[in-house]
Amino acid sequence: MKKVLKTVIGVTAGVAAGTVGTVVLAPVVLGLAGFTAGGIAAGSIAAGMMSSAAIANGGAVAAGSLVAVLQSVGAAGFTAATTAGVASTGGVIGGVVGWFSGRKRKGDCLNPQEGVKLSVLETGNSSAPEDDEEDEDASNGPSSKELQKI
């Protein structure tokens, strides 16, 4: 039950953070990239994108292209539909991240030495099945017989 509660809290926090974060940060990121209310900033990433798009289209930026849409959002902000789409996408991504953050994979441990001791105690063998022969080179670490004594 504790694991389920932790997962639910992680997903809820992830959805909330993703939804709010994307709606708040998207315009900021667009502004930093050079898509501003006054147009595309000279020397910015946006200017490079616009130049590439214009060269590819024979000197003009095509209507509806990525550069045109991002400039429109940078100049006028998001429409209600775009805001809803961005918020939904951020919420889904945040929820997935929250779900994974609340899960612990089988075999994970904080102390790697503890994991070695557990595997020796549980299986009686600290080596992989294909590594049953003893290594002649002792510089690779303790042998499996030495680990079994732990």
N, C-alpha and C. Protein backbone atom coordinates (compact mmCIF):
# COMPACT_ATOMS: atom_id res chain seq x y z
N MET A 1 0.82 -1.20 0.00
CA MET A 1 0.00 0.00 0.00
C MET A 1 0.86 1.26 0.00
N LYS A 2 1.98 1.20 0.74
CA LYS A 2 2.88 2.35 0.82
C LYS A 2 3.48 2.66 -0.55
N LYS A 3 3.81 1.60 -1.31
CA LYS A 3 4.38 1.78 -2.64
C LYS A 3 3.36 2.42 -3.59
N VAL A 4 2.11 2.01 -3.49
CA VAL A 4 1.05 2.58 -4.33
C VAL A 4 0.86 4.05 -4.02
N LEU A 5 0.84 4.39 -2.75
CA LEU A 5 0.67 5.79 -2.34
C LEU A 5 1.83 6.64 -2.84
N LYS A 6 3.05 6.10 -2.74
CA LYS A 6 4.22 6.83 -3.21
C LYS A 6 4.15 7.06 -4.72
N THR A 7 3.67 6.07 -5.46
CA THR A 7 3.54 6.21 -6.91
C THR A 7 2.46 7.23 -7.26
N VAL A 8 1.34 7.20 -6.54
CA VAL A 8 0.25 8.16 -6.80
C VAL A 8 0.72 9.58 -6.53
N ILE A 9 1.44 9.77 -5.45
CA ILE A 9 1.96 11.11 -5.12
C ILE A 9 2.96 11.55 -6.19
N GLY A 10 3.83 10.65 -6.63
CA GLY A 10 4.81 10.98 -7.67
C GLY A 10 4.15 11.38 -8.98
N VAL A 11 3.12 10.62 -9.38
CA VAL A 11 2.41 10.92 -10.63
C VAL A 11 1.68 12.26 -10.51
N THR A 12 1.00 12.48 -9.39
CA THR A 12 0.26 13.73 -9.20
C THR A 12 1.20 14.93 -9.22
N ALA A 13 2.31 14.82 -8.50
CA ALA A 13 3.28 15.92 -8.49
C ALA A 13 3.87 16.14 -9.88
N GLY A 14 4.14 15.04 -10.58
CA GLY A 14 4.69 15.15 -11.93
C GLY A 14 3.74 15.81 -12.90
N VAL A 15 2.46 15.44 -12.82
CA VAL A 15 1.46 16.05 -13.71
C VAL A 15 1.33 17.54 -13.41
N ALA A 16 1.26 17.90 -12.14
CA ALA A 16 1.13 19.31 -11.77
C ALA A 16 2.36 20.11 -12.22
N ALA A 17 3.54 19.59 -11.93
CA ALA A 17 4.76 20.30 -12.30
C ALA A 17 4.91 20.39 -13.81
N GLY A 18 4.58 19.31 -14.52
CA GLY A 18 4.69 19.31 -15.97
C GLY A 18 3.72 20.27 -16.62
N THR A 19 2.50 20.30 -16.12
CA THR A 19 1.47 21.18 -16.69
C THR A 19 1.84 22.65 -16.49
N VAL A 20 2.12 23.02 -15.27
CA VAL A 20 2.45 24.42 -14.97
C VAL A 20 3.79 24.80 -15.58
N GLY A 21 4.75 23.91 -15.46
CA GLY A 21 6.10 24.19 -15.95
C GLY A 21 6.15 24.47 -17.44
N THR A 22 5.46 23.66 -18.23
CA THR A 22 5.52 23.87 -19.68
C THR A 22 4.80 25.15 -20.09
N VAL A 23 3.68 25.45 -19.46
CA VAL A 23 2.93 26.66 -19.82
C VAL A 23 3.73 27.91 -19.44
N VAL A 24 4.40 27.86 -18.30
CA VAL A 24 5.17 29.02 -17.84
C VAL A 24 6.50 29.13 -18.58
N LEU A 25 7.18 28.01 -18.79
CA LEU A 25 8.53 28.05 -19.35
C LEU A 25 8.58 28.14 -20.87
N ALA A 26 7.56 27.67 -21.57
CA ALA A 26 7.60 27.68 -23.04
C ALA A 26 7.82 29.09 -23.60
N PRO A 27 7.06 30.09 -23.17
CA PRO A 27 7.31 31.44 -23.70
C PRO A 27 8.70 31.98 -23.33
N VAL A 28 9.17 31.63 -22.15
CA VAL A 28 10.51 32.07 -21.72
C VAL A 28 11.57 31.46 -22.62
N VAL A 29 11.45 30.16 -22.89
CA VAL A 29 12.42 29.47 -23.74
C VAL A 29 12.37 30.03 -25.17
N LEU A 30 11.17 30.31 -25.68
CA LEU A 30 11.06 30.91 -27.01
C LEU A 30 11.75 32.28 -27.06
N GLY A 31 11.56 33.07 -26.01
CA GLY A 31 12.21 34.38 -25.95
C GLY A 31 13.72 34.25 -25.91
N LEU A 32 14.22 33.28 -25.13
CA LEU A 32 15.67 33.07 -25.07
C LEU A 32 16.23 32.59 -26.40
N ALA A 33 15.43 31.86 -27.16
CA ALA A 33 15.87 31.38 -28.47
C ALA A 33 15.84 32.48 -29.51
N GLY A 34 15.16 33.60 -29.22
CA GLY A 34 15.14 34.73 -30.15
C GLY A 34 13.79 35.02 -30.78
N PHE A 35 12.75 34.27 -30.40
CA PHE A 35 11.40 34.54 -30.92
C PHE A 35 10.74 35.52 -29.96
N THR A 36 10.87 36.83 -30.24
CA THR A 36 10.39 37.86 -29.32
C THR A 36 9.17 38.58 -29.88
N ALA A 37 8.56 39.39 -29.03
CA ALA A 37 7.38 40.17 -29.45
C ALA A 37 7.74 41.18 -30.54
N GLY A 38 8.98 41.62 -30.57
CA GLY A 38 9.41 42.59 -31.57
C GLY A 38 9.93 41.94 -32.84
N GLY A 39 9.87 40.65 -32.94
CA GLY A 39 10.38 39.93 -34.12
C GLY A 39 11.52 39.01 -33.73
N ILE A 40 12.18 38.49 -34.72
CA ILE A 40 13.28 37.56 -34.47
C ILE A 40 14.54 38.36 -34.14
N ALA A 41 15.18 38.01 -33.03
CA ALA A 41 16.36 38.73 -32.57
C ALA A 41 17.57 38.39 -33.44
N ALA A 42 18.32 39.42 -33.82
CA ALA A 42 19.50 39.22 -34.67
C ALA A 42 20.54 38.38 -33.94
N GLY A 43 21.16 37.46 -34.68
CA GLY A 43 22.23 36.65 -34.12
C GLY A 43 21.77 35.53 -33.21
N SER A 44 20.48 35.30 -33.12
CA SER A 44 19.95 34.28 -32.21
C SER A 44 19.75 32.95 -32.92
N ILE A 45 19.38 31.96 -32.16
CA ILE A 45 19.03 30.65 -32.73
C ILE A 45 17.87 30.82 -33.72
N ALA A 46 16.91 31.65 -33.34
CA ALA A 46 15.76 31.90 -34.22
C ALA A 46 16.21 32.50 -35.55
N ALA A 47 17.19 33.40 -35.51
CA ALA A 47 17.68 34.01 -36.75
C ALA A 47 18.33 32.95 -37.65
N GLY A 48 19.06 32.04 -37.05
CA GLY A 48 19.67 30.95 -37.82
C GLY A 48 18.61 30.04 -38.43
N MET A 49 17.56 29.75 -37.64
CA MET A 49 16.47 28.92 -38.17
C MET A 49 15.76 29.61 -39.32
N MET A 50 15.53 30.92 -39.15
CA MET A 50 14.83 31.69 -40.19
C MET A 50 15.67 31.73 -41.47
N SER A 51 16.97 31.92 -41.33
CA SER A 51 17.86 31.96 -42.49
C SER A 51 17.84 30.62 -43.23
N SER A 52 17.92 29.54 -42.49
CA SER A 52 17.90 28.20 -43.11
C SER A 52 16.57 27.95 -43.81
N ALA A 53 15.47 28.34 -43.17
CA ALA A 53 14.15 28.14 -43.76
C ALA A 53 13.99 28.98 -45.03
N ALA A 54 14.52 30.21 -45.02
CA ALA A 54 14.40 31.08 -46.19
C ALA A 54 15.23 30.54 -47.35
N ILE A 55 16.43 30.06 -47.06
CA ILE A 55 17.28 29.49 -48.11
C ILE A 55 16.62 28.26 -48.71
N ALA A 56 16.04 27.44 -47.85
CA ALA A 56 15.40 26.20 -48.32
C ALA A 56 14.17 26.48 -49.18
N ASN A 57 13.51 27.62 -48.96
CA ASN A 57 12.28 27.94 -49.68
C ASN A 57 12.47 29.02 -50.73
N GLY A 58 13.67 29.24 -51.15
CA GLY A 58 13.91 30.22 -52.23
C GLY A 58 13.82 31.66 -51.78
N GLY A 59 14.09 31.97 -50.54
CA GLY A 59 14.15 33.35 -50.08
C GLY A 59 13.03 33.78 -49.16
N ALA A 60 12.03 32.96 -48.96
CA ALA A 60 10.92 33.33 -48.07
C ALA A 60 10.66 32.21 -47.07
N VAL A 61 10.15 32.59 -45.92
CA VAL A 61 9.77 31.60 -44.91
C VAL A 61 8.33 31.18 -45.21
N ALA A 62 8.12 29.90 -45.35
CA ALA A 62 6.79 29.39 -45.70
C ALA A 62 5.81 29.59 -44.54
N ALA A 63 4.60 30.00 -44.88
CA ALA A 63 3.54 30.14 -43.87
C ALA A 63 3.24 28.76 -43.29
N GLY A 64 3.09 28.69 -41.99
CA GLY A 64 2.79 27.42 -41.32
C GLY A 64 4.02 26.60 -41.00
N SER A 65 5.20 27.08 -41.39
CA SER A 65 6.42 26.34 -41.07
C SER A 65 6.74 26.49 -39.58
N LEU A 66 7.67 25.71 -39.11
CA LEU A 66 8.04 25.75 -37.69
C LEU A 66 8.49 27.16 -37.28
N VAL A 67 9.30 27.78 -38.10
CA VAL A 67 9.79 29.14 -37.79
C VAL A 67 8.63 30.12 -37.73
N ALA A 68 7.70 30.02 -38.66
CA ALA A 68 6.55 30.94 -38.68
C ALA A 68 5.66 30.74 -37.45
N VAL A 69 5.43 29.49 -37.08
CA VAL A 69 4.59 29.21 -35.90
C VAL A 69 5.27 29.68 -34.62
N LEU A 70 6.56 29.39 -34.49
CA LEU A 70 7.27 29.82 -33.28
C LEU A 70 7.34 31.34 -33.19
N GLN A 71 7.51 32.03 -34.30
CA GLN A 71 7.52 33.49 -34.29
C GLN A 71 6.16 34.04 -33.91
N SER A 72 5.11 33.41 -34.40
CA SER A 72 3.77 33.84 -34.05
C SER A 72 3.53 33.70 -32.55
N VAL A 73 3.96 32.57 -31.98
CA VAL A 73 3.80 32.36 -30.53
C VAL A 73 4.68 33.33 -29.76
N GLY A 74 5.90 33.57 -30.24
CA GLY A 74 6.79 34.51 -29.56
C GLY A 74 6.25 35.92 -29.57
N ALA A 75 5.57 36.31 -30.64
CA ALA A 75 5.05 37.67 -30.76
C ALA A 75 3.73 37.85 -30.05
N ALA A 76 2.82 36.89 -30.19
CA ALA A 76 1.46 37.08 -29.66
C ALA A 76 1.14 36.20 -28.46
N GLY A 77 1.97 35.23 -28.16
CA GLY A 77 1.68 34.31 -27.06
C GLY A 77 0.84 33.14 -27.55
N PHE A 78 0.53 32.26 -26.65
CA PHE A 78 -0.25 31.07 -26.98
C PHE A 78 -1.73 31.39 -27.10
N THR A 79 -2.39 30.73 -28.02
CA THR A 79 -3.86 30.77 -28.06
C THR A 79 -4.36 29.83 -26.97
N ALA A 80 -5.64 29.85 -26.70
CA ALA A 80 -6.21 28.97 -25.68
C ALA A 80 -5.99 27.50 -26.05
N ALA A 81 -6.18 27.18 -27.32
CA ALA A 81 -6.01 25.79 -27.77
C ALA A 81 -4.55 25.36 -27.64
N THR A 82 -3.63 26.23 -28.01
CA THR A 82 -2.21 25.90 -27.89
C THR A 82 -1.80 25.74 -26.44
N THR A 83 -2.31 26.62 -25.59
CA THR A 83 -2.02 26.52 -24.16
C THR A 83 -2.51 25.18 -23.61
N ALA A 84 -3.70 24.77 -24.01
CA ALA A 84 -4.24 23.49 -23.56
C ALA A 84 -3.38 22.33 -24.06
N GLY A 85 -2.94 22.40 -25.31
CA GLY A 85 -2.10 21.35 -25.87
C GLY A 85 -0.76 21.26 -25.18
N VAL A 86 -0.14 22.41 -24.95
CA VAL A 86 1.16 22.43 -24.26
C VAL A 86 1.01 21.93 -22.83
N ALA A 87 -0.02 22.36 -22.15
CA ALA A 87 -0.26 21.92 -20.77
C ALA A 87 -0.51 20.41 -20.71
N SER A 88 -1.29 19.90 -21.64
CA SER A 88 -1.58 18.47 -21.67
C SER A 88 -0.33 17.65 -21.91
N THR A 89 0.46 18.08 -22.86
CA THR A 89 1.71 17.37 -23.17
C THR A 89 2.65 17.40 -21.96
N GLY A 90 2.80 18.56 -21.36
CA GLY A 90 3.65 18.67 -20.17
C GLY A 90 3.14 17.83 -19.03
N GLY A 91 1.82 17.78 -18.87
CA GLY A 91 1.24 16.97 -17.80
C GLY A 91 1.48 15.49 -18.01
N VAL A 92 1.36 15.03 -19.24
CA VAL A 92 1.61 13.61 -19.53
C VAL A 92 3.07 13.26 -19.28
N ILE A 93 3.96 14.09 -19.78
CA ILE A 93 5.39 13.83 -19.58
C ILE A 93 5.73 13.88 -18.09
N GLY A 94 5.20 14.85 -17.37
CA GLY A 94 5.44 14.94 -15.93
C GLY A 94 4.88 13.74 -15.19
N GLY A 95 3.71 13.26 -15.60
CA GLY A 95 3.11 12.09 -14.96
C GLY A 95 3.95 10.84 -15.17
N VAL A 96 4.46 10.66 -16.37
CA VAL A 96 5.31 9.50 -16.65
C VAL A 96 6.59 9.57 -15.83
N VAL A 97 7.20 10.75 -15.78
CA VAL A 97 8.41 10.92 -14.97
C VAL A 97 8.10 10.65 -13.50
N GLY A 98 6.98 11.16 -13.01
CA GLY A 98 6.59 10.92 -11.62
C GLY A 98 6.34 9.45 -11.34
N TRP A 99 5.76 8.74 -12.28
CA TRP A 99 5.49 7.31 -12.11
C TRP A 99 6.79 6.54 -12.02
N PHE A 100 7.75 6.85 -12.90
CA PHE A 100 9.03 6.15 -12.86
C PHE A 100 9.84 6.51 -11.62
N SER A 101 9.72 7.74 -11.15
CA SER A 101 10.51 8.15 -9.98
C SER A 101 10.05 7.46 -8.71
N GLY A 102 8.81 7.03 -8.66
CA GLY A 102 8.29 6.37 -7.47
C GLY A 102 8.50 4.88 -7.46
N ARG A 103 9.14 4.36 -8.49
CA ARG A 103 9.32 2.91 -8.59
C ARG A 103 10.77 2.56 -8.31
N LYS A 104 10.96 1.43 -7.68
CA LYS A 104 12.30 0.92 -7.42
C LYS A 104 12.44 -0.40 -8.16
N ARG A 105 13.45 -0.48 -8.99
CA ARG A 105 13.65 -1.71 -9.75
C ARG A 105 14.14 -2.82 -8.84
N LYS A 106 13.77 -4.03 -9.15
CA LYS A 106 14.19 -5.18 -8.39
C LYS A 106 15.71 -5.29 -8.46
N GLY A 107 16.33 -5.45 -7.32
CA GLY A 107 17.77 -5.59 -7.28
C GLY A 107 18.51 -4.29 -7.02
N ASP A 108 17.80 -3.15 -7.05
CA ASP A 108 18.46 -1.88 -6.77
C ASP A 108 18.81 -1.80 -5.29
N CYS A 109 19.95 -1.26 -4.99
CA CYS A 109 20.32 -1.02 -3.60
C CYS A 109 21.19 0.22 -3.55
N LEU A 110 21.22 0.85 -2.41
CA LEU A 110 22.00 2.07 -2.27
C LEU A 110 23.48 1.78 -2.13
N ASN A 111 23.82 0.66 -1.51
CA ASN A 111 25.20 0.31 -1.25
C ASN A 111 25.59 -0.85 -2.17
N PRO A 112 26.49 -0.64 -3.13
CA PRO A 112 26.85 -1.73 -4.04
C PRO A 112 27.43 -2.94 -3.33
N GLN A 113 28.18 -2.74 -2.25
CA GLN A 113 28.74 -3.87 -1.50
C GLN A 113 27.63 -4.70 -0.88
N GLU A 114 26.55 -4.03 -0.45
CA GLU A 114 25.41 -4.74 0.12
C GLU A 114 24.79 -5.66 -0.93
N GLY A 115 24.73 -5.20 -2.16
CA GLY A 115 24.19 -6.01 -3.25
C GLY A 115 25.02 -7.25 -3.50
N VAL A 116 26.35 -7.10 -3.41
CA VAL A 116 27.23 -8.26 -3.60
C VAL A 116 27.01 -9.26 -2.49
N LYS A 117 26.93 -8.79 -1.25
CA LYS A 117 26.72 -9.69 -0.12
C LYS A 117 25.38 -10.40 -0.24
N LEU A 118 24.33 -9.68 -0.66
CA LEU A 118 23.03 -10.31 -0.82
C LEU A 118 23.06 -11.39 -1.88
N SER A 119 23.72 -11.10 -3.01
CA SER A 119 23.73 -12.10 -4.07
C SER A 119 24.50 -13.34 -3.64
N VAL A 120 25.55 -13.17 -2.85
CA VAL A 120 26.30 -14.32 -2.37
C VAL A 120 25.47 -15.12 -1.38
N LEU A 121 24.80 -14.41 -0.47
CA LEU A 121 24.00 -15.11 0.53
C LEU A 121 22.79 -15.79 -0.07
N GLU A 122 22.15 -15.14 -1.03
CA GLU A 122 20.94 -15.70 -1.61
C GLU A 122 21.23 -16.85 -2.55
N THR A 123 22.25 -16.71 -3.40
CA THR A 123 22.48 -17.73 -4.42
C THR A 123 23.62 -18.67 -4.08
N GLY A 124 24.51 -18.23 -3.21
CA GLY A 124 25.67 -19.06 -2.91
C GLY A 124 26.72 -18.97 -4.01
N ASN A 125 26.51 -18.12 -4.99
CA ASN A 125 27.44 -17.98 -6.10
C ASN A 125 27.48 -16.51 -6.50
N SER A 126 28.65 -15.90 -6.45
CA SER A 126 28.74 -14.48 -6.77
C SER A 126 29.13 -14.24 -8.22
N SER A 127 29.34 -15.28 -8.99
CA SER A 127 29.75 -15.09 -10.38
C SER A 127 28.61 -15.42 -11.32
N ALA A 128 28.72 -14.91 -12.52
CA ALA A 128 27.74 -15.21 -13.54
C ALA A 128 27.90 -16.65 -13.99
N PRO A 129 26.83 -17.30 -14.49
CA PRO A 129 26.91 -18.71 -14.89
C PRO A 129 28.01 -18.98 -15.91
N GLU A 130 28.26 -18.05 -16.84
CA GLU A 130 29.28 -18.28 -17.84
C GLU A 130 30.68 -18.00 -17.31
N ASP A 131 30.81 -17.55 -16.06
CA ASP A 131 32.10 -17.19 -15.48
C ASP A 131 32.40 -18.11 -14.30
N ASP A 132 32.16 -19.41 -14.45
CA ASP A 132 32.34 -20.33 -13.35
C ASP A 132 33.80 -20.68 -13.10
N GLU A 133 34.67 -20.54 -14.11
CA GLU A 133 36.07 -20.85 -13.89
C GLU A 133 36.74 -19.71 -13.15
N GLU A 134 37.70 -20.06 -12.33
CA GLU A 134 38.45 -19.06 -11.57
C GLU A 134 39.38 -18.30 -12.51
N ASP A 135 39.46 -17.00 -12.34
CA ASP A 135 40.41 -16.20 -13.11
C ASP A 135 41.79 -16.40 -12.52
N GLU A 136 42.79 -16.55 -13.38
CA GLU A 136 44.15 -16.71 -12.89
C GLU A 136 44.75 -15.38 -12.49
N ASP A 137 44.22 -14.29 -13.01
CA ASP A 137 44.73 -12.96 -12.71
C ASP A 137 44.00 -12.42 -11.48
N ALA A 138 44.71 -12.30 -10.36
CA ALA A 138 44.09 -11.87 -9.10
C ALA A 138 43.84 -10.36 -9.07
N SER A 139 44.33 -9.62 -10.05
CA SER A 139 44.15 -8.16 -10.03
C SER A 139 42.72 -7.75 -10.37
N ASN A 140 41.88 -8.66 -10.82
CA ASN A 140 40.50 -8.33 -11.15
C ASN A 140 39.60 -8.29 -9.94
N GLY A 141 40.13 -8.50 -8.75
CA GLY A 141 39.31 -8.47 -7.55
C GLY A 141 39.28 -9.83 -6.89
N PRO A 142 38.52 -9.95 -5.82
CA PRO A 142 38.48 -11.22 -5.08
C PRO A 142 37.81 -12.31 -5.91
N SER A 143 38.24 -13.53 -5.67
CA SER A 143 37.65 -14.67 -6.38
C SER A 143 36.27 -14.96 -5.81
N SER A 144 35.52 -15.78 -6.52
CA SER A 144 34.18 -16.12 -6.04
C SER A 144 34.24 -16.90 -4.74
N LYS A 145 35.29 -17.69 -4.52
CA LYS A 145 35.42 -18.41 -3.24
C LYS A 145 35.63 -17.44 -2.08
N GLU A 146 36.41 -16.37 -2.32
CA GLU A 146 36.63 -15.38 -1.28
C GLU A 146 35.33 -14.63 -0.97
N LEU A 147 34.56 -14.35 -2.00
CA LEU A 147 33.27 -13.65 -1.78
C LEU A 147 32.27 -14.52 -1.07
N GLN A 148 32.32 -15.83 -1.27
CA GLN A 148 31.37 -16.72 -0.60
C GLN A 148 31.63 -16.80 0.89
N LYS A 149 32.84 -16.46 1.33
CA LYS A 149 33.17 -16.48 2.75
C LYS A 149 32.55 -15.31 3.49
N ILE A 150 32.14 -14.28 2.75
CA ILE A 150 31.57 -13.08 3.38
C ILE A 150 30.24 -13.37 4.02
